């Protein structure tokens, strides 16, 4: 189970600087939600609030309301510094939205956070409750059928080290399949409008940039379940594997994400 206690001010600032990939994914979700001025949005797992602030300024506007909840206080602090008056950043967990009234939001978004959540049924039940009838939910999640290139490289390094193809690499620990994501939404009462797989090409300057991104995105959990000397060896082996993906423009890695859009029946 990833730890929330490993985040540091440096990691939070690094994540804010290197989170362009998640920011890009989130814009696909915002466009799918078709938010209108004056609507209300709940961003679950909002990180440092880049996407939440975009939604506030350019989607719902000053007549709307955007709330971003995030379990890591250091990242909430950064979100609060950039927030518009109608963008509220709060410390909170996806599994407990009891602070919000039933039907409080027109839309809910979970951008690159669903694969961190072990109890997805509880999260979706909470999202259902806080959505008004006709409200929409948009989710992006790592795909178990199509893991990221980096996840496959990590699995290969662990297998070569005799540590097995463990899922606890500190990144995307709870991915879902296409069918699971649709079934989970339907079980919570949502009507599924669309589920699709998108493939993204991610470019990094070098292997160190990949490590920094992975460590900041996992709030310190990347390969964090291993003892320091073991982790050092694994990172060195991983760096060599990553180097095989270098071309004239740097390191090219692909990630595959499921995108889902659903609504609560009116």
C-alpha atoms as a PDB file:
ATOM      1  CA  UNK A   1       0.000   0.000   0.000  1.00  0.00           C
ATOM      2  CA  UNK A   2       1.575   3.352  -0.999  1.00  0.00           C
ATOM      3  CA  UNK A   3       2.409   5.660   1.891  1.00  0.00           C
ATOM      4  CA  UNK A   4       1.127   9.225   2.088  1.00  0.00           C
ATOM      5  CA  UNK A   5       3.862  10.075   4.585  1.00  0.00           C
ATOM      6  CA  UNK A   6       6.749  10.118   2.092  1.00  0.00           C
ATOM      7  CA  UNK A   7       5.850  13.381   0.366  1.00  0.00           C
ATOM      8  CA  UNK A   8       8.211  16.309   0.907  1.00  0.00           C
ATOM      9  CA  UNK A   9       8.161  19.997  -0.066  1.00  0.00           C
ATOM     10  CA  UNK A  10      10.757  19.203  -2.744  1.00  0.00           C
ATOM     11  CA  UNK A  11       8.668  16.370  -4.218  1.00  0.00           C
ATOM     12  CA  UNK A  12       5.536  18.521  -4.189  1.00  0.00           C
ATOM     13  CA  UNK A  13       7.328  21.339  -6.018  1.00  0.00           C
ATOM     14  CA  UNK A  14       8.862  18.869  -8.466  1.00  0.00           C
ATOM     15  CA  UNK A  15       5.452  17.394  -9.201  1.00  0.00           C
ATOM     16  CA  UNK A  16       4.027  20.835  -9.888  1.00  0.00           C
ATOM     17  CA  UNK A  17       6.863  21.420 -12.354  1.00  0.00           C
ATOM     18  CA  UNK A  18       6.780  18.046 -14.158  1.00  0.00           C
ATOM     19  CA  UNK A  19       3.051  17.222 -14.160  1.00  0.00           C
ATOM     20  CA  UNK A  20       2.455  18.277 -17.771  1.00  0.00           C
ATOM     21  CA  UNK A  21       1.526  14.698 -18.680  1.00  0.00           C
ATOM     22  CA  UNK A  22      -1.252  14.482 -16.090  1.00  0.00           C
ATOM     23  CA  UNK A  23      -2.333  18.017 -17.003  1.00  0.00           C
ATOM     24  CA  UNK A  24      -2.675  16.964 -20.646  1.00  0.00           C
ATOM     25  CA  UNK A  25      -4.739  13.911 -19.716  1.00  0.00           C
ATOM     26  CA  UNK A  26      -6.992  16.020 -17.529  1.00  0.00           C
ATOM     27  CA  UNK A  27      -7.806  18.393 -20.347  1.00  0.00           C
ATOM     28  CA  UNK A  28      -9.253  15.486 -22.317  1.00  0.00           C
ATOM     29  CA  UNK A  29     -11.535  14.797 -19.341  1.00  0.00           C
ATOM     30  CA  UNK A  30     -12.571  18.441 -18.955  1.00  0.00           C
ATOM     31  CA  UNK A  31     -13.454  18.622 -22.633  1.00  0.00           C
ATOM     32  CA  UNK A  32     -15.518  15.441 -22.324  1.00  0.00           C
ATOM     33  CA  UNK A  33     -17.448  16.862 -19.345  1.00  0.00           C
ATOM     34  CA  UNK A  34     -18.494  19.915 -21.412  1.00  0.00           C
ATOM     35  CA  UNK A  35     -18.656  22.123 -18.347  1.00  0.00           C
ATOM     36  CA  UNK A  36     -20.665  25.314 -18.659  1.00  0.00           C
ATOM     37  CA  UNK A  37     -20.270  28.676 -16.930  1.00  0.00           C
ATOM     38  CA  UNK A  38     -21.890  28.592 -13.503  1.00  0.00           C
ATOM     39  CA  UNK A  39     -21.568  24.839 -12.982  1.00  0.00           C
ATOM     40  CA  UNK A  40     -19.838  23.150 -10.037  1.00  0.00           C
ATOM     41  CA  UNK A  41     -17.001  20.634 -10.302  1.00  0.00           C
ATOM     42  CA  UNK A  42     -15.351  18.345  -7.747  1.00  0.00           C
ATOM     43  CA  UNK A  43     -11.782  17.334  -8.654  1.00  0.00           C
ATOM     44  CA  UNK A  44     -10.826  14.228  -6.634  1.00  0.00           C
ATOM     45  CA  UNK A  45      -7.070  13.796  -6.238  1.00  0.00           C
ATOM     46  CA  UNK A  46      -6.404  17.307  -7.518  1.00  0.00           C
ATOM     47  CA  UNK A  47      -2.675  17.377  -6.727  1.00  0.00           C
ATOM     48  CA  UNK A  48      -1.249  20.883  -6.914  1.00  0.00           C
ATOM     49  CA  UNK A  49      -4.401  22.238  -8.517  1.00  0.00           C
ATOM     50  CA  UNK A  50      -3.218  22.972 -12.054  1.00  0.00           C
ATOM     51  CA  UNK A  51      -6.194  21.278 -13.708  1.00  0.00           C
ATOM     52  CA  UNK A  52      -8.624  22.512 -11.062  1.00  0.00           C
ATOM     53  CA  UNK A  53      -7.570  26.100 -11.673  1.00  0.00           C
ATOM     54  CA  UNK A  54      -7.893  25.629 -15.434  1.00  0.00           C
ATOM     55  CA  UNK A  55     -11.456  24.397 -14.917  1.00  0.00           C
ATOM     56  CA  UNK A  56     -12.210  27.354 -12.657  1.00  0.00           C
ATOM     57  CA  UNK A  57     -10.841  30.026 -14.972  1.00  0.00           C
ATOM     58  CA  UNK A  58     -11.764  28.680 -18.388  1.00  0.00           C
ATOM     59  CA  UNK A  59     -14.715  26.327 -17.926  1.00  0.00           C
ATOM     60  CA  UNK A  60     -17.080  27.293 -15.086  1.00  0.00           C
ATOM     61  CA  UNK A  61     -15.933  30.897 -14.582  1.00  0.00           C
ATOM     62  CA  UNK A  62     -16.549  33.176 -11.597  1.00  0.00           C
ATOM     63  CA  UNK A  63     -20.236  32.245 -11.452  1.00  0.00           C
ATOM     64  CA  UNK A  64     -19.284  28.592 -10.946  1.00  0.00           C
ATOM     65  CA  UNK A  65     -17.486  26.659  -8.233  1.00  0.00           C
ATOM     66  CA  UNK A  66     -14.584  24.229  -8.342  1.00  0.00           C
ATOM     67  CA  UNK A  67     -13.403  22.207  -5.344  1.00  0.00           C
ATOM     68  CA  UNK A  68     -10.219  20.159  -5.449  1.00  0.00           C
ATOM     69  CA  UNK A  69      -9.536  17.582  -2.735  1.00  0.00           C
ATOM     70  CA  UNK A  70      -6.140  15.972  -2.271  1.00  0.00           C
ATOM     71  CA  UNK A  71      -4.789  13.804   0.584  1.00  0.00           C
ATOM     72  CA  UNK A  72      -1.296  15.348   0.498  1.00  0.00           C
ATOM     73  CA  UNK A  73      -1.253  18.655   2.450  1.00  0.00           C
ATOM     74  CA  UNK A  74       1.945  19.945   0.833  1.00  0.00           C
ATOM     75  CA  UNK A  75       0.317  19.755  -2.597  1.00  0.00           C
ATOM     76  CA  UNK A  76      -2.845  21.397  -1.313  1.00  0.00           C
ATOM     77  CA  UNK A  77      -0.696  24.303  -0.103  1.00  0.00           C
ATOM     78  CA  UNK A  78       0.565  24.836  -3.651  1.00  0.00           C
ATOM     79  CA  UNK A  79      -2.965  24.592  -5.065  1.00  0.00           C
ATOM     80  CA  UNK A  80      -4.203  27.241  -2.649  1.00  0.00           C
ATOM     81  CA  UNK A  81      -1.530  29.675  -3.796  1.00  0.00           C
ATOM     82  CA  UNK A  82      -2.739  29.522  -7.407  1.00  0.00           C
ATOM     83  CA  UNK A  83      -6.472  29.285  -6.700  1.00  0.00           C
ATOM     84  CA  UNK A  84      -9.062  31.732  -7.994  1.00  0.00           C
ATOM     85  CA  UNK A  85     -11.676  32.930  -5.454  1.00  0.00           C
ATOM     86  CA  UNK A  86     -14.102  30.318  -6.804  1.00  0.00           C
ATOM     87  CA  UNK A  87     -11.520  27.499  -6.663  1.00  0.00           C
ATOM     88  CA  UNK A  88     -11.264  25.853  -3.238  1.00  0.00           C
ATOM     89  CA  UNK A  89      -8.408  23.427  -2.470  1.00  0.00           C
ATOM     90  CA  UNK A  90      -8.911  21.141   0.513  1.00  0.00           C
ATOM     91  CA  UNK A  91      -7.181  18.183   2.160  1.00  0.00           C
ATOM     92  CA  UNK A  92      -9.450  15.173   1.698  1.00  0.00           C
ATOM     93  CA  UNK A  93      -9.752  11.550   0.643  1.00  0.00           C
ATOM     94  CA  UNK A  94     -11.748  10.124  -2.242  1.00  0.00           C
ATOM     95  CA  UNK A  95     -13.335   7.521   0.029  1.00  0.00           C
ATOM     96  CA  UNK A  96     -14.941  10.140   2.297  1.00  0.00           C
ATOM     97  CA  UNK A  97     -16.884  12.988   0.715  1.00  0.00           C
ATOM     98  CA  UNK A  98     -19.189  13.387   3.704  1.00  0.00           C
ATOM     99  CA  UNK A  99     -18.338  17.100   3.985  1.00  0.00           C
ATOM    100  CA  UNK A 100     -20.327  17.678   0.779  1.00  0.00           C
ATOM    101  CA  UNK A 101     -24.107  17.617   0.561  1.00  0.00           C
ATOM    102  CA  UNK A 102     -25.931  15.189  -1.687  1.00  0.00           C
ATOM    103  CA  UNK A 103     -26.304  16.598  -5.171  1.00  0.00           C
ATOM    104  CA  UNK A 104     -23.753  19.362  -4.513  1.00  0.00           C
ATOM    105  CA  UNK A 105     -21.925  19.088  -7.857  1.00  0.00           C
ATOM    106  CA  UNK A 106     -22.696  19.059 -11.558  1.00  0.00           C
ATOM    107  CA  UNK A 107     -19.552  17.071 -12.382  1.00  0.00           C
ATOM    108  CA  UNK A 108     -16.810  14.993 -10.779  1.00  0.00           C
ATOM    109  CA  UNK A 109     -13.374  14.310 -12.238  1.00  0.00           C
ATOM    110  CA  UNK A 110     -10.703  11.767 -11.249  1.00  0.00           C
ATOM    111  CA  UNK A 111      -7.642  12.456 -13.371  1.00  0.00           C
ATOM    112  CA  UNK A 112      -4.802   9.911 -13.172  1.00  0.00           C
ATOM    113  CA  UNK A 113      -5.885   9.038  -9.635  1.00  0.00           C
ATOM    114  CA  UNK A 114      -8.278   6.097 -10.057  1.00  0.00           C
ATOM    115  CA  UNK A 115      -5.379   3.625 -10.281  1.00  0.00           C
ATOM    116  CA  UNK A 116      -4.212   4.725  -6.811  1.00  0.00           C
ATOM    117  CA  UNK A 117      -7.530   3.831  -5.154  1.00  0.00           C
ATOM    118  CA  UNK A 118      -7.967   0.277  -3.813  1.00  0.00           C
ATOM    119  CA  UNK A 119     -11.661   0.603  -2.846  1.00  0.00           C
ATOM    120  CA  UNK A 120     -13.100   1.844  -6.105  1.00  0.00           C
ATOM    121  CA  UNK A 121     -16.672   0.867  -5.247  1.00  0.00           C
ATOM    122  CA  UNK A 122     -16.630   3.118  -2.177  1.00  0.00           C
ATOM    123  CA  UNK A 123     -15.210   6.018  -4.186  1.00  0.00           C
ATOM    124  CA  UNK A 124     -17.840   5.706  -6.896  1.00  0.00           C
ATOM    125  CA  UNK A 125     -20.640   5.483  -4.335  1.00  0.00           C
ATOM    126  CA  UNK A 126     -19.381   8.722  -2.812  1.00  0.00           C
ATOM    127  CA  UNK A 127     -19.184  10.379  -6.220  1.00  0.00           C
ATOM    128  CA  UNK A 128     -22.719   9.224  -7.035  1.00  0.00           C
ATOM    129  CA  UNK A 129     -24.065  10.773  -3.845  1.00  0.00           C
ATOM    130  CA  UNK A 130     -22.520  14.215  -4.344  1.00  0.00           C
ATOM    131  CA  UNK A 131     -23.609  14.459  -7.983  1.00  0.00           C
ATOM    132  CA  UNK A 132     -26.949  15.993  -8.859  1.00  0.00           C
ATOM    133  CA  UNK A 133     -29.298  13.929 -11.072  1.00  0.00           C
ATOM    134  CA  UNK A 134     -27.931  14.198 -14.585  1.00  0.00           C
ATOM    135  CA  UNK A 135     -24.446  15.005 -13.264  1.00  0.00           C
ATOM    136  CA  UNK A 136     -21.384  13.690 -15.081  1.00  0.00           C
ATOM    137  CA  UNK A 137     -18.243  11.859 -13.991  1.00  0.00           C
ATOM    138  CA  UNK A 138     -14.983  11.595 -15.966  1.00  0.00           C
ATOM    139  CA  UNK A 139     -12.142   9.226 -15.078  1.00  0.00           C
ATOM    140  CA  UNK A 140      -8.693   8.435 -16.436  1.00  0.00           C
ATOM    141  CA  UNK A 141      -6.895   5.350 -15.195  1.00  0.00           C
ATOM    142  CA  UNK A 142      -3.908   3.170 -15.974  1.00  0.00           C
ATOM    143  CA  UNK A 143      -4.921   0.082 -17.922  1.00  0.00           C
ATOM    144  CA  UNK A 144      -4.055  -3.374 -16.644  1.00  0.00           C
ATOM    145  CA  UNK A 145      -4.332  -4.777 -20.182  1.00  0.00           C
ATOM    146  CA  UNK A 146      -1.935  -2.191 -21.616  1.00  0.00           C
ATOM    147  CA  UNK A 147       0.620  -1.133 -18.971  1.00  0.00           C
ATOM    148  CA  UNK A 148       2.814   1.905 -19.509  1.00  0.00           C
ATOM    149  CA  UNK A 149       6.220   1.224 -21.081  1.00  0.00           C
ATOM    150  CA  UNK A 150       7.818   2.236 -17.787  1.00  0.00           C
ATOM    151  CA  UNK A 151       5.709  -0.237 -15.831  1.00  0.00           C
ATOM    152  CA  UNK A 152       6.818  -3.025 -18.147  1.00  0.00           C
ATOM    153  CA  UNK A 153      10.457  -1.984 -17.749  1.00  0.00           C
ATOM    154  CA  UNK A 154      10.108  -1.991 -13.961  1.00  0.00           C
ATOM    155  CA  UNK A 155       8.514  -5.449 -14.065  1.00  0.00           C
ATOM    156  CA  UNK A 156      11.375  -6.756 -16.226  1.00  0.00           C
ATOM    157  CA  UNK A 157      13.996  -5.313 -13.837  1.00  0.00           C
ATOM    158  CA  UNK A 158      12.274  -6.869 -10.833  1.00  0.00           C
ATOM    159  CA  UNK A 159      12.040 -10.237 -12.576  1.00  0.00           C
ATOM    160  CA  UNK A 160      15.717 -10.119 -13.541  1.00  0.00           C
ATOM    161  CA  UNK A 161      16.602  -9.371  -9.922  1.00  0.00           C
ATOM    162  CA  UNK A 162      14.604 -12.375  -8.763  1.00  0.00           C
ATOM    163  CA  UNK A 163      11.981 -10.209  -7.100  1.00  0.00           C
ATOM    164  CA  UNK A 164       9.111 -11.310  -9.308  1.00  0.00           C
ATOM    165  CA  UNK A 165       6.778  -9.199 -11.379  1.00  0.00           C
ATOM    166  CA  UNK A 166       5.410  -7.353  -8.396  1.00  0.00           C
ATOM    167  CA  UNK A 167       2.760  -4.672  -8.780  1.00  0.00           C
ATOM    168  CA  UNK A 168       4.035  -2.631  -5.854  1.00  0.00           C
ATOM    169  CA  UNK A 169       6.475  -0.454  -7.777  1.00  0.00           C
ATOM    170  CA  UNK A 170       4.962   2.670  -6.265  1.00  0.00           C
ATOM    171  CA  UNK A 171       3.142   3.763  -9.406  1.00  0.00           C
ATOM    172  CA  UNK A 172      -0.348   2.855 -10.671  1.00  0.00           C
ATOM    173  CA  UNK A 173      -0.755   0.110  -8.030  1.00  0.00           C
ATOM    174  CA  UNK A 174      -4.463  -0.542  -8.751  1.00  0.00           C
ATOM    175  CA  UNK A 175      -5.061  -0.378 -12.531  1.00  0.00           C
ATOM    176  CA  UNK A 176      -8.260  -1.661 -14.108  1.00  0.00           C
ATOM    177  CA  UNK A 177      -9.287  -3.334 -17.318  1.00  0.00           C
ATOM    178  CA  UNK A 178     -11.685  -1.793 -19.805  1.00  0.00           C
ATOM    179  CA  UNK A 179     -14.440  -4.156 -18.683  1.00  0.00           C
ATOM    180  CA  UNK A 180     -13.779  -3.579 -14.973  1.00  0.00           C
ATOM    181  CA  UNK A 181     -13.997   0.185 -15.292  1.00  0.00           C
ATOM    182  CA  UNK A 182     -17.309   0.014 -17.131  1.00  0.00           C
ATOM    183  CA  UNK A 183     -18.708  -2.571 -14.702  1.00  0.00           C
ATOM    184  CA  UNK A 184     -17.649  -0.550 -11.651  1.00  0.00           C
ATOM    185  CA  UNK A 185     -19.390   2.556 -12.957  1.00  0.00           C
ATOM    186  CA  UNK A 186     -22.548   0.604 -13.763  1.00  0.00           C
ATOM    187  CA  UNK A 187     -22.548  -1.108 -10.350  1.00  0.00           C
ATOM    188  CA  UNK A 188     -22.497   2.333  -8.706  1.00  0.00           C
ATOM    189  CA  UNK A 189     -25.580   3.327 -10.699  1.00  0.00           C
ATOM    190  CA  UNK A 190     -23.984   5.364 -13.477  1.00  0.00           C
ATOM    191  CA  UNK A 191     -24.902   5.126 -17.137  1.00  0.00           C
ATOM    192  CA  UNK A 192     -21.679   4.711 -19.105  1.00  0.00           C
ATOM    193  CA  UNK A 193     -21.417   7.024 -22.098  1.00  0.00           C
ATOM    194  CA  UNK A 194     -17.913   6.189 -23.292  1.00  0.00           C
ATOM    195  CA  UNK A 195     -14.837   4.170 -22.364  1.00  0.00           C
ATOM    196  CA  UNK A 196     -11.792   4.252 -24.572  1.00  0.00           C
ATOM    197  CA  UNK A 197      -8.066   3.601 -24.485  1.00  0.00           C
ATOM    198  CA  UNK A 198      -5.698   6.425 -25.415  1.00  0.00           C
ATOM    199  CA  UNK A 199      -1.985   6.052 -26.075  1.00  0.00           C
ATOM    200  CA  UNK A 200       0.406   8.915 -25.317  1.00  0.00           C
ATOM    201  CA  UNK A 201       4.032   9.418 -26.325  1.00  0.00           C
ATOM    202  CA  UNK A 202       6.025  10.860 -23.412  1.00  0.00           C
ATOM    203  CA  UNK A 203       9.435  12.426 -24.018  1.00  0.00           C
ATOM    204  CA  UNK A 204      12.065  12.893 -21.321  1.00  0.00           C
ATOM    205  CA  UNK A 205      15.481  14.493 -21.558  1.00  0.00           C
ATOM    206  CA  UNK A 206      17.216  11.517 -19.943  1.00  0.00           C
ATOM    207  CA  UNK A 207      16.748   8.619 -17.525  1.00  0.00           C
ATOM    208  CA  UNK A 208      17.137  10.948 -14.542  1.00  0.00           C
ATOM    209  CA  UNK A 209      14.146  12.958 -15.744  1.00  0.00           C
ATOM    210  CA  UNK A 210      12.124   9.729 -15.838  1.00  0.00           C
ATOM    211  CA  UNK A 211      13.151   8.969 -12.252  1.00  0.00           C
ATOM    212  CA  UNK A 212      12.286  12.469 -11.019  1.00  0.00           C
ATOM    213  CA  UNK A 213       8.896  12.344 -12.715  1.00  0.00           C
ATOM    214  CA  UNK A 214       8.143   8.897 -11.304  1.00  0.00           C
ATOM    215  CA  UNK A 215       9.230   9.793  -7.785  1.00  0.00           C
ATOM    216  CA  UNK A 216       7.299  13.079  -7.702  1.00  0.00           C
ATOM    217  CA  UNK A 217       4.179  11.565  -9.276  1.00  0.00           C
ATOM    218  CA  UNK A 218       4.188   8.724  -6.734  1.00  0.00           C
ATOM    219  CA  UNK A 219       4.777  11.121  -3.788  1.00  0.00           C
ATOM    220  CA  UNK A 220       7.956   9.263  -2.867  1.00  0.00           C
ATOM    221  CA  UNK A 221       6.722   5.701  -3.381  1.00  0.00           C
ATOM    222  CA  UNK A 222       8.511   4.771  -6.614  1.00  0.00           C
ATOM    223  CA  UNK A 223      10.254   1.450  -5.797  1.00  0.00           C
ATOM    224  CA  UNK A 224       9.933   2.587  -2.205  1.00  0.00           C
ATOM    225  CA  UNK A 225       9.036  -0.822  -0.790  1.00  0.00           C
ATOM    226  CA  UNK A 226      12.649  -1.987  -1.166  1.00  0.00           C
ATOM    227  CA  UNK A 227      15.572  -1.423   1.209  1.00  0.00           C
ATOM    228  CA  UNK A 228      17.809   1.502   0.148  1.00  0.00           C
ATOM    229  CA  UNK A 229      20.683  -0.629  -1.170  1.00  0.00           C
ATOM    230  CA  UNK A 230      18.304  -2.877  -3.124  1.00  0.00           C
ATOM    231  CA  UNK A 231      16.454   0.156  -4.496  1.00  0.00           C
ATOM    232  CA  UNK A 232      19.740   1.731  -5.619  1.00  0.00           C
ATOM    233  CA  UNK A 233      20.592  -1.380  -7.614  1.00  0.00           C
ATOM    234  CA  UNK A 234      17.127  -1.549  -9.126  1.00  0.00           C
ATOM    235  CA  UNK A 235      17.260   2.098 -10.194  1.00  0.00           C
ATOM    236  CA  UNK A 236      20.637   1.539 -11.858  1.00  0.00           C
ATOM    237  CA  UNK A 237      19.275  -1.455 -13.772  1.00  0.00           C
ATOM    238  CA  UNK A 238      16.170   0.497 -14.705  1.00  0.00           C
ATOM    239  CA  UNK A 239      18.278   3.406 -15.975  1.00  0.00           C
ATOM    240  CA  UNK A 240      20.079   1.019 -18.334  1.00  0.00           C
ATOM    241  CA  UNK A 241      16.753  -0.316 -19.597  1.00  0.00           C
ATOM    242  CA  UNK A 242      15.381   3.184 -20.106  1.00  0.00           C
ATOM    243  CA  UNK A 243      18.475   4.091 -22.128  1.00  0.00           C
ATOM    244  CA  UNK A 244      17.383   1.626 -24.806  1.00  0.00           C
ATOM    245  CA  UNK A 245      14.463   3.954 -25.525  1.00  0.00           C
ATOM    246  CA  UNK A 246      16.690   6.936 -26.350  1.00  0.00           C
ATOM    247  CA  UNK A 247      16.571   8.559 -29.766  1.00  0.00           C
ATOM    248  CA  UNK A 248      17.745  11.878 -31.147  1.00  0.00           C
ATOM    249  CA  UNK A 249      15.074  13.729 -29.143  1.00  0.00           C
ATOM    250  CA  UNK A 250      15.712  12.044 -25.801  1.00  0.00           C
ATOM    251  CA  UNK A 251      13.853   9.198 -24.072  1.00  0.00           C
ATOM    252  CA  UNK A 252      10.572   8.104 -25.664  1.00  0.00           C
ATOM    253  CA  UNK A 253       8.146   6.122 -23.506  1.00  0.00           C
ATOM    254  CA  UNK A 254       4.490   5.400 -24.121  1.00  0.00           C
ATOM    255  CA  UNK A 255       1.675   5.324 -21.616  1.00  0.00           C
ATOM    256  CA  UNK A 256      -1.786   3.867 -22.098  1.00  0.00           C
ATOM    257  CA  UNK A 257      -4.766   5.247 -20.212  1.00  0.00           C
ATOM    258  CA  UNK A 258      -8.428   4.372 -20.063  1.00  0.00           C
ATOM    259  CA  UNK A 259     -10.791   7.337 -20.293  1.00  0.00           C
ATOM    260  CA  UNK A 260     -14.383   6.952 -19.129  1.00  0.00           C
ATOM    261  CA  UNK A 261     -17.365   9.296 -19.185  1.00  0.00           C
ATOM    262  CA  UNK A 262     -20.609   8.453 -17.412  1.00  0.00           C
ATOM    263  CA  UNK A 263     -23.628  10.207 -15.929  1.00  0.00           C
ATOM    264  CA  UNK A 264     -26.075   9.850 -13.069  1.00  0.00           C
ATOM    265  CA  UNK A 265     -29.577   9.313 -14.450  1.00  0.00           C
ATOM    266  CA  UNK A 266     -31.836  12.332 -14.129  1.00  0.00           C
END
